[in-house]
PDB file of N, CA and C in Angstrom:
ATOM      1  N   MET A   1       0.828  -1.179   0.000  1.00  0.00           N
ATOM      2  CA  MET A   1       0.000   0.000   0.000  1.00  0.00           C
ATOM      3  C   MET A   1       0.882   1.256   0.000  1.00  0.00           C
ATOM      4  N   ALA A   2       0.444   2.250  -0.735  1.00  0.00           N
ATOM      5  CA  ALA A   2       1.216   3.479  -0.887  1.00  0.00           C
ATOM      6  C   ALA A   2       0.818   4.528   0.146  1.00  0.00           C
ATOM      7  N   VAL A   3       1.726   5.458   0.380  1.00  0.00           N
ATOM      8  CA  VAL A   3       1.451   6.642   1.190  1.00  0.00           C
ATOM      9  C   VAL A   3       1.465   7.827   0.234  1.00  0.00           C
ATOM     10  N   VAL A   4       0.356   8.562   0.196  1.00  0.00           N
ATOM     11  CA  VAL A   4       0.208   9.693  -0.711  1.00  0.00           C
ATOM     12  C   VAL A   4       0.091  10.960   0.132  1.00  0.00           C
ATOM     13  N   LYS A   5       0.966  11.943  -0.109  1.00  0.00           N
ATOM     14  CA  LYS A   5       0.940  13.199   0.635  1.00  0.00           C
ATOM     15  C   LYS A   5       0.359  14.298  -0.250  1.00  0.00           C
ATOM     16  N   LYS A   6      -0.580  15.062   0.324  1.00  0.00           N
ATOM     17  CA  LYS A   6      -1.199  16.175  -0.385  1.00  0.00           C
ATOM     18  C   LYS A   6      -1.334  17.363   0.556  1.00  0.00           C
ATOM     19  N   LYS A   7      -1.200  18.550  -0.013  1.00  0.00           N
ATOM     20  CA  LYS A   7      -1.401  19.775   0.762  1.00  0.00           C
ATOM     21  C   LYS A   7      -2.899  20.032   0.912  1.00  0.00           C
ATOM     22  N   ILE A   8      -3.269  20.676   2.023  1.00  0.00           N
ATOM     23  CA  ILE A   8      -4.659  21.037   2.263  1.00  0.00           C
ATOM     24  C   ILE A   8      -4.693  22.388   2.973  1.00  0.00           C
ATOM     25  N   TRP A   9      -5.571  23.272   2.517  1.00  0.00           N
ATOM     26  CA  TRP A   9      -5.678  24.611   3.108  1.00  0.00           C
ATOM     27  C   TRP A   9      -6.259  24.529   4.520  1.00  0.00           C
ATOM     28  N   PRO A  10      -5.931  25.500   5.390  1.00  0.00           N
ATOM     29  CA  PRO A  10      -6.331  25.461   6.801  1.00  0.00           C
ATOM     30  C   PRO A  10      -7.824  25.243   7.053  1.00  0.00           C
ATOM     31  N   GLN A  11      -8.702  25.921   6.306  1.00  0.00           N
ATOM     32  CA  GLN A  11     -10.133  25.773   6.580  1.00  0.00           C
ATOM     33  C   GLN A  11     -10.610  24.352   6.308  1.00  0.00           C
ATOM     34  N   TYR A  12     -10.036  23.686   5.313  1.00  0.00           N
ATOM     35  CA  TYR A  12     -10.408  22.308   5.012  1.00  0.00           C
ATOM     36  C   TYR A  12      -9.717  21.333   5.960  1.00  0.00           C
ATOM     37  N   PHE A  13      -8.493  21.673   6.370  1.00  0.00           N
ATOM     38  CA  PHE A  13      -7.791  20.867   7.368  1.00  0.00           C
ATOM     39  C   PHE A  13      -8.634  20.772   8.638  1.00  0.00           C
ATOM     40  N   GLU A  14      -9.158  21.919   9.087  1.00  0.00           N
ATOM     41  CA  GLU A  14      -9.961  21.940  10.313  1.00  0.00           C
ATOM     42  C   GLU A  14     -11.224  21.088  10.176  1.00  0.00           C
ATOM     43  N   LEU A  15     -11.870  21.126   9.004  1.00  0.00           N
ATOM     44  CA  LEU A  15     -13.077  20.326   8.792  1.00  0.00           C
ATOM     45  C   LEU A  15     -12.769  18.830   8.799  1.00  0.00           C
ATOM     46  N   VAL A  16     -11.641  18.435   8.206  1.00  0.00           N
ATOM     47  CA  VAL A  16     -11.238  17.030   8.240  1.00  0.00           C
ATOM     48  C   VAL A  16     -10.858  16.648   9.664  1.00  0.00           C
ATOM     49  N   ASN A  17     -10.106  17.503  10.326  1.00  0.00           N
ATOM     50  CA  ASN A  17      -9.641  17.232  11.684  1.00  0.00           C
ATOM     51  C   ASN A  17     -10.805  17.055  12.661  1.00  0.00           C
ATOM     52  N   SER A  18     -11.876  17.832  12.467  1.00  0.00           N
ATOM     53  CA  SER A  18     -13.039  17.743  13.358  1.00  0.00           C
ATOM     54  C   SER A  18     -13.918  16.534  13.047  1.00  0.00           C
ATOM     55  N   GLY A  19     -13.725  15.919  11.873  1.00  0.00           N
ATOM     56  CA  GLY A  19     -14.543  14.782  11.479  1.00  0.00           C
ATOM     57  C   GLY A  19     -15.746  15.164  10.642  1.00  0.00           C
ATOM     58  N   LYS A  20     -15.977  16.465  10.456  1.00  0.00           N
ATOM     59  CA  LYS A  20     -17.137  16.898   9.667  1.00  0.00           C
ATOM     60  C   LYS A  20     -16.957  16.581   8.187  1.00  0.00           C
ATOM     61  N   LYS A  21     -15.755  16.757   7.660  1.00  0.00           N
ATOM     62  CA  LYS A  21     -15.474  16.498   6.248  1.00  0.00           C
ATOM     63  C   LYS A  21     -14.766  15.152   6.146  1.00  0.00           C
ATOM     64  N   ARG A  22     -15.422  14.211   5.448  1.00  0.00           N
ATOM     65  CA  ARG A  22     -14.864  12.865   5.335  1.00  0.00           C
ATOM     66  C   ARG A  22     -14.670  12.467   3.871  1.00  0.00           C
ATOM     67  N   PHE A  23     -14.261  13.425   3.054  1.00  0.00           N
ATOM     68  CA  PHE A  23     -14.011  13.166   1.641  1.00  0.00           C
ATOM     69  C   PHE A  23     -12.986  14.176   1.134  1.00  0.00           C
ATOM     70  N   GLU A  24     -12.387  13.881   0.012  1.00  0.00           N
ATOM     71  CA  GLU A  24     -11.517  14.819  -0.696  1.00  0.00           C
ATOM     72  C   GLU A  24     -11.928  14.795  -2.154  1.00  0.00           C
ATOM     73  N   LEU A  25     -11.999  15.945  -2.769  1.00  0.00           N
ATOM     74  CA  LEU A  25     -12.233  16.063  -4.199  1.00  0.00           C
ATOM     75  C   LEU A  25     -10.951  16.637  -4.779  1.00  0.00           C
ATOM     76  N   ARG A  26     -10.266  15.851  -5.595  1.00  0.00           N
ATOM     77  CA  ARG A  26      -8.934  16.235  -6.082  1.00  0.00           C
ATOM     78  C   ARG A  26      -8.808  16.001  -7.577  1.00  0.00           C
ATOM     79  N   LEU A  27      -7.950  16.771  -8.219  1.00  0.00           N
ATOM     80  CA  LEU A  27      -7.558  16.514  -9.585  1.00  0.00           C
ATOM     81  C   LEU A  27      -6.862  15.158  -9.608  1.00  0.00           C
ATOM     82  N   ALA A  28      -7.234  14.306 -10.547  1.00  0.00           N
ATOM     83  CA  ALA A  28      -6.685  12.943 -10.599  1.00  0.00           C
ATOM     84  C   ALA A  28      -5.346  12.915 -11.339  1.00  0.00           C
ATOM     85  N   ASP A  29      -4.395  13.699 -10.864  1.00  0.00           N
ATOM     86  CA  ASP A  29      -3.071  13.762 -11.482  1.00  0.00           C
ATOM     87  C   ASP A  29      -2.043  12.935 -10.709  1.00  0.00           C
ATOM     88  N   PHE A  30      -2.538  11.991  -9.910  1.00  0.00           N
ATOM     89  CA  PHE A  30      -1.675  11.093  -9.146  1.00  0.00           C
ATOM     90  C   PHE A  30      -2.410   9.767  -8.992  1.00  0.00           C
ATOM     91  N   LYS A  31      -1.705   8.751  -8.577  1.00  0.00           N
ATOM     92  CA  LYS A  31      -2.315   7.437  -8.381  1.00  0.00           C
ATOM     93  C   LYS A  31      -2.647   7.251  -6.908  1.00  0.00           C
ATOM     94  N   ILE A  32      -3.840   6.715  -6.657  1.00  0.00           N
ATOM     95  CA  ILE A  32      -4.269   6.384  -5.298  1.00  0.00           C
ATOM     96  C   ILE A  32      -5.326   5.305  -5.407  1.00  0.00           C
ATOM     97  N   LYS A  33      -5.363   4.397  -4.430  1.00  0.00           N
ATOM     98  CA  LYS A  33      -6.343   3.318  -4.467  1.00  0.00           C
ATOM     99  C   LYS A  33      -6.766   2.956  -3.048  1.00  0.00           C
ATOM    100  N   GLU A  34      -7.839   2.190  -2.977  1.00  0.00           N
ATOM    101  CA  GLU A  34      -8.328   1.729  -1.680  1.00  0.00           C
ATOM    102  C   GLU A  34      -7.206   1.013  -0.933  1.00  0.00           C
ATOM    103  N   GLY A  35      -7.083   1.290   0.345  1.00  0.00           N
ATOM    104  CA  GLY A  35      -6.038   0.688   1.166  1.00  0.00           C
ATOM    105  C   GLY A  35      -4.804   1.570   1.314  1.00  0.00           C
ATOM    106  N   ASP A  36      -4.630   2.539   0.407  1.00  0.00           N
ATOM    107  CA  ASP A  36      -3.506   3.469   0.530  1.00  0.00           C
ATOM    108  C   ASP A  36      -3.718   4.383   1.732  1.00  0.00           C
ATOM    109  N   THR A  37      -2.668   5.056   2.130  1.00  0.00           N
ATOM    110  CA  THR A  37      -2.736   6.031   3.215  1.00  0.00           C
ATOM    111  C   THR A  37      -2.615   7.427   2.614  1.00  0.00           C
ATOM    112  N   LEU A  38      -3.565   8.298   2.944  1.00  0.00           N
ATOM    113  CA  LEU A  38      -3.550   9.685   2.490  1.00  0.00           C
ATOM    114  C   LEU A  38      -3.106  10.558   3.655  1.00  0.00           C
ATOM    115  N   VAL A  39      -2.014  11.292   3.447  1.00  0.00           N
ATOM    116  CA  VAL A  39      -1.510  12.216   4.458  1.00  0.00           C
ATOM    117  C   VAL A  39      -1.832  13.627   3.974  1.00  0.00           C
ATOM    118  N   LEU A  40      -2.680  14.324   4.713  1.00  0.00           N
ATOM    119  CA  LEU A  40      -3.056  15.695   4.385  1.00  0.00           C
ATOM    120  C   LEU A  40      -2.209  16.634   5.230  1.00  0.00           C
ATOM    121  N   GLU A  41      -1.361  17.422   4.561  1.00  0.00           N
ATOM    122  CA  GLU A  41      -0.458  18.339   5.241  1.00  0.00           C
ATOM    123  C   GLU A  41      -0.999  19.759   5.101  1.00  0.00           C
ATOM    124  N   GLU A  42      -1.224  20.398   6.236  1.00  0.00           N
ATOM    125  CA  GLU A  42      -1.793  21.749   6.218  1.00  0.00           C
ATOM    126  C   GLU A  42      -0.836  22.722   5.530  1.00  0.00           C
ATOM    127  N   TRP A  43      -1.389  23.495   4.587  1.00  0.00           N
ATOM    128  CA  TRP A  43      -0.622  24.459   3.787  1.00  0.00           C
ATOM    129  C   TRP A  43      -1.172  25.849   4.039  1.00  0.00           C
ATOM    130  N   ASP A  44      -0.311  26.761   4.401  1.00  0.00           N
ATOM    131  CA  ASP A  44      -0.703  28.161   4.587  1.00  0.00           C
ATOM    132  C   ASP A  44      -0.513  28.880   3.253  1.00  0.00           C
ATOM    133  N   PRO A  45      -1.618  29.207   2.539  1.00  0.00           N
ATOM    134  CA  PRO A  45      -1.473  29.819   1.216  1.00  0.00           C
ATOM    135  C   PRO A  45      -0.934  31.245   1.256  1.00  0.00           C
ATOM    136  N   GLN A  46      -1.099  31.936   2.379  1.00  0.00           N
ATOM    137  CA  GLN A  46      -0.593  33.306   2.467  1.00  0.00           C
ATOM    138  C   GLN A  46       0.917  33.325   2.665  1.00  0.00           C
ATOM    139  N   GLN A  47       1.403  32.428   3.515  1.00  0.00           N
ATOM    140  CA  GLN A  47       2.852  32.361   3.752  1.00  0.00           C
ATOM    141  C   GLN A  47       3.552  31.397   2.801  1.00  0.00           C
ATOM    142  N   LYS A  48       2.742  30.658   2.037  1.00  0.00           N
ATOM    143  CA  LYS A  48       3.271  29.710   1.050  1.00  0.00           C
ATOM    144  C   LYS A  48       4.235  28.700   1.682  1.00  0.00           C
ATOM    145  N   ARG A  49       3.720  28.063   2.759  1.00  0.00           N
ATOM    146  CA  ARG A  49       4.538  27.043   3.423  1.00  0.00           C
ATOM    147  C   ARG A  49       3.648  26.069   4.189  1.00  0.00           C
ATOM    148  N   LEU A  50       4.204  24.897   4.452  1.00  0.00           N
ATOM    149  CA  LEU A  50       3.507  23.921   5.284  1.00  0.00           C
ATOM    150  C   LEU A  50       3.546  24.387   6.732  1.00  0.00           C
ATOM    151  N   THR A  51       2.469  24.122   7.478  1.00  0.00           N
ATOM    152  CA  THR A  51       2.409  24.546   8.878  1.00  0.00           C
ATOM    153  C   THR A  51       3.034  23.527   9.824  1.00  0.00           C
ATOM    154  N   GLY A  52       3.194  22.287   9.355  1.00  0.00           N
ATOM    155  CA  GLY A  52       3.716  21.228  10.217  1.00  0.00           C
ATOM    156  C   GLY A  52       2.614  20.311  10.729  1.00  0.00           C
ATOM    157  N   ARG A  53       1.359  20.742  10.597  1.00  0.00           N
ATOM    158  CA  ARG A  53       0.252  19.881  11.036  1.00  0.00           C
ATOM    159  C   ARG A  53      -0.128  18.930   9.900  1.00  0.00           C
ATOM    160  N   LYS A  54      -0.448  17.691  10.253  1.00  0.00           N
ATOM    161  CA  LYS A  54      -0.860  16.712   9.255  1.00  0.00           C
ATOM    162  C   LYS A  54      -1.887  15.757   9.833  1.00  0.00           C
ATOM    163  N   ILE A  55      -2.681  15.214   8.937  1.00  0.00           N
ATOM    164  CA  ILE A  55      -3.707  14.225   9.271  1.00  0.00           C
ATOM    165  C   ILE A  55      -3.464  13.020   8.370  1.00  0.00           C
ATOM    166  N   THR A  56      -3.498  11.838   8.955  1.00  0.00           N
ATOM    167  CA  THR A  56      -3.312  10.605   8.197  1.00  0.00           C
ATOM    168  C   THR A  56      -4.638   9.849   8.151  1.00  0.00           C
ATOM    169  N   LYS A  57      -5.071   9.476   6.940  1.00  0.00           N
ATOM    170  CA  LYS A  57      -6.333   8.765   6.749  1.00  0.00           C
ATOM    171  C   LYS A  57      -6.117   7.555   5.857  1.00  0.00           C
ATOM    172  N   LYS A  58      -6.794   6.454   6.169  1.00  0.00           N
ATOM    173  CA  LYS A  58      -6.794   5.267   5.322  1.00  0.00           C
ATOM    174  C   LYS A  58      -7.837   5.467   4.237  1.00  0.00           C
ATOM    175  N   VAL A  59      -7.479   5.236   2.979  1.00  0.00           N
ATOM    176  CA  VAL A  59      -8.397   5.397   1.849  1.00  0.00           C
ATOM    177  C   VAL A  59      -9.312   4.177   1.796  1.00  0.00           C
ATOM    178  N   THR A  60     -10.628   4.428   1.849  1.00  0.00           N
ATOM    179  CA  THR A  60     -11.591   3.331   1.831  1.00  0.00           C
ATOM    180  C   THR A  60     -12.349   3.226   0.512  1.00  0.00           C
ATOM    181  N   TYR A  61     -12.362   4.297  -0.291  1.00  0.00           N
ATOM    182  CA  TYR A  61     -13.065   4.266  -1.568  1.00  0.00           C
ATOM    183  C   TYR A  61     -12.530   5.375  -2.461  1.00  0.00           C
ATOM    184  N   VAL A  62     -12.357   5.090  -3.746  1.00  0.00           N
ATOM    185  CA  VAL A  62     -11.921   6.081  -4.719  1.00  0.00           C
ATOM    186  C   VAL A  62     -12.851   5.998  -5.930  1.00  0.00           C
ATOM    187  N   LEU A  63     -13.416   7.123  -6.325  1.00  0.00           N
ATOM    188  CA  LEU A  63     -14.237   7.215  -7.532  1.00  0.00           C
ATOM    189  C   LEU A  63     -13.548   8.179  -8.473  1.00  0.00           C
ATOM    190  N   LYS A  64     -13.134   7.682  -9.617  1.00  0.00           N
ATOM    191  CA  LYS A  64     -12.511   8.538 -10.627  1.00  0.00           C
ATOM    192  C   LYS A  64     -13.461   8.597 -11.813  1.00  0.00           C
ATOM    193  N   PHE A  65     -13.679   9.801 -12.328  1.00  0.00           N
ATOM    194  CA  PHE A  65     -14.557   9.934 -13.483  1.00  0.00           C
ATOM    195  C   PHE A  65     -14.087  11.072 -14.370  1.00  0.00           C
ATOM    196  N   ASP A  66     -14.517  11.031 -15.617  1.00  0.00           N
ATOM    197  CA  ASP A  66     -14.241  12.066 -16.590  1.00  0.00           C
ATOM    198  C   ASP A  66     -15.421  13.033 -16.592  1.00  0.00           C
ATOM    199  N   LEU A  67     -15.177  14.299 -16.845  1.00  0.00           N
ATOM    200  CA  LEU A  67     -16.268  15.282 -16.848  1.00  0.00           C
ATOM    201  C   LEU A  67     -17.394  14.924 -17.803  1.00  0.00           C
ATOM    202  N   ASP A  68     -17.104  14.193 -18.857  1.00  0.00           N
ATOM    203  CA  ASP A  68     -18.151  13.889 -19.829  1.00  0.00           C
ATOM    204  C   ASP A  68     -18.667  12.448 -19.726  1.00  0.00           C
ATOM    205  N   ASP A  69     -18.362  11.739 -18.638  1.00  0.00           N
ATOM    206  CA  ASP A  69     -18.854  10.367 -18.470  1.00  0.00           C
ATOM    207  C   ASP A  69     -20.372  10.294 -18.568  1.00  0.00           C
ATOM    208  N   PHE A  70     -21.055  11.326 -18.153  1.00  0.00           N
ATOM    209  CA  PHE A  70     -22.513  11.321 -18.153  1.00  0.00           C
ATOM    210  C   PHE A  70     -23.077  12.287 -19.190  1.00  0.00           C
ATOM    211  N   GLY A  71     -22.232  12.713 -20.142  1.00  0.00           N
ATOM    212  CA  GLY A  71     -22.671  13.595 -21.211  1.00  0.00           C
ATOM    213  C   GLY A  71     -23.032  14.992 -20.743  1.00  0.00           C
ATOM    214  N   GLN A  72     -22.378  15.452 -19.655  1.00  0.00           N
ATOM    215  CA  GLN A  72     -22.730  16.752 -19.074  1.00  0.00           C
ATOM    216  C   GLN A  72     -21.531  17.686 -18.933  1.00  0.00           C
ATOM    217  N   LYS A  73     -20.522  17.506 -19.734  1.00  0.00           N
ATOM    218  CA  LYS A  73     -19.310  18.310 -19.578  1.00  0.00           C
ATOM    219  C   LYS A  73     -19.614  19.808 -19.638  1.00  0.00           C
ATOM    220  N   LYS A  74     -20.426  20.238 -20.594  1.00  0.00           N
ATOM    221  CA  LYS A  74     -20.746  21.659 -20.741  1.00  0.00           C
ATOM    222  C   LYS A  74     -21.432  22.193 -19.478  1.00  0.00           C
ATOM    223  N   GLU A  75     -22.359  21.432 -18.939  1.00  0.00           N
ATOM    224  CA  GLU A  75     -23.080  21.856 -17.738  1.00  0.00           C
ATOM    225  C   GLU A  75     -22.160  21.892 -16.516  1.00  0.00           C
ATOM    226  N   ILE A  76     -21.272  20.905 -16.427  1.00  0.00           N
ATOM    227  CA  ILE A  76     -20.331  20.859 -15.301  1.00  0.00           C
ATOM    228  C   ILE A  76     -19.382  22.053 -15.360  1.00  0.00           C
ATOM    229  N   LEU A  77     -18.879  22.375 -16.552  1.00  0.00           N
ATOM    230  CA  LEU A  77     -17.991  23.521 -16.689  1.00  0.00           C
ATOM    231  C   LEU A  77     -18.714  24.816 -16.335  1.00  0.00           C
ATOM    232  N   LYS A  78     -20.005  24.894 -16.633  1.00  0.00           N
ATOM    233  CA  LYS A  78     -20.787  26.088 -16.330  1.00  0.00           C
ATOM    234  C   LYS A  78     -21.166  26.172 -14.846  1.00  0.00           C
ATOM    235  N   ASP A  79     -21.660  25.065 -14.285  1.00  0.00           N
ATOM    236  CA  ASP A  79     -22.239  25.087 -12.942  1.00  0.00           C
ATOM    237  C   ASP A  79     -21.350  24.501 -11.853  1.00  0.00           C
ATOM    238  N   GLY A  80     -20.322  23.737 -12.219  1.00  0.00           N
ATOM    239  CA  GLY A  80     -19.469  23.093 -11.225  1.00  0.00           C
ATOM    240  C   GLY A  80     -20.051  21.774 -10.762  1.00  0.00           C
ATOM    241  N   LEU A  81     -19.449  21.220  -9.737  1.00  0.00           N
ATOM    242  CA  LEU A  81     -19.852  19.936  -9.159  1.00  0.00           C
ATOM    243  C   LEU A  81     -20.065  20.087  -7.664  1.00  0.00           C
ATOM    244  N   TYR A  82     -20.884  19.232  -7.108  1.00  0.00           N
ATOM    245  CA  TYR A  82     -20.987  19.094  -5.657  1.00  0.00           C
ATOM    246  C   TYR A  82     -20.309  17.784  -5.267  1.00  0.00           C
ATOM    247  N   ALA A  83     -19.662  17.761  -4.138  1.00  0.00           N
ATOM    248  CA  ALA A  83     -19.271  16.514  -3.501  1.00  0.00           C
ATOM    249  C   ALA A  83     -20.217  16.407  -2.311  1.00  0.00           C
ATOM    250  N   ILE A  84     -21.048  15.383  -2.319  1.00  0.00           N
ATOM    251  CA  ILE A  84     -22.076  15.248  -1.295  1.00  0.00           C
ATOM    252  C   ILE A  84     -21.707  14.103  -0.367  1.00  0.00           C
ATOM    253  N   GLN A  85     -21.664  14.402   0.897  1.00  0.00           N
ATOM    254  CA  GLN A  85     -21.327  13.397   1.905  1.00  0.00           C
ATOM    255  C   GLN A  85     -22.603  12.961   2.597  1.00  0.00           C
ATOM    256  N   PHE A  86     -22.746  11.667   2.836  1.00  0.00           N
ATOM    257  CA  PHE A  86     -23.914  11.192   3.599  1.00  0.00           C
ATOM    258  C   PHE A  86     -23.536   9.996   4.434  1.00  0.00           C
TER     259      PHE A  86
END
């Protein structure tokens, strides 16, 4: 199993840390799969540096899709996407 490190902005770090946010929506420019470990490292965008705080999570599910998988690329580009947690 791989360990994947990604930067995360403070407001999202806090939501993950509190347990309220239990998902990540990311550009699929890296490889990740179920069973891997995701390390979210807090990034301060104003100071342009890592803060030193990190959260480690086990990946339990990955859904990768193309914007036009459902024939809605134009609508997605116009309106965006929701990531809905339940």
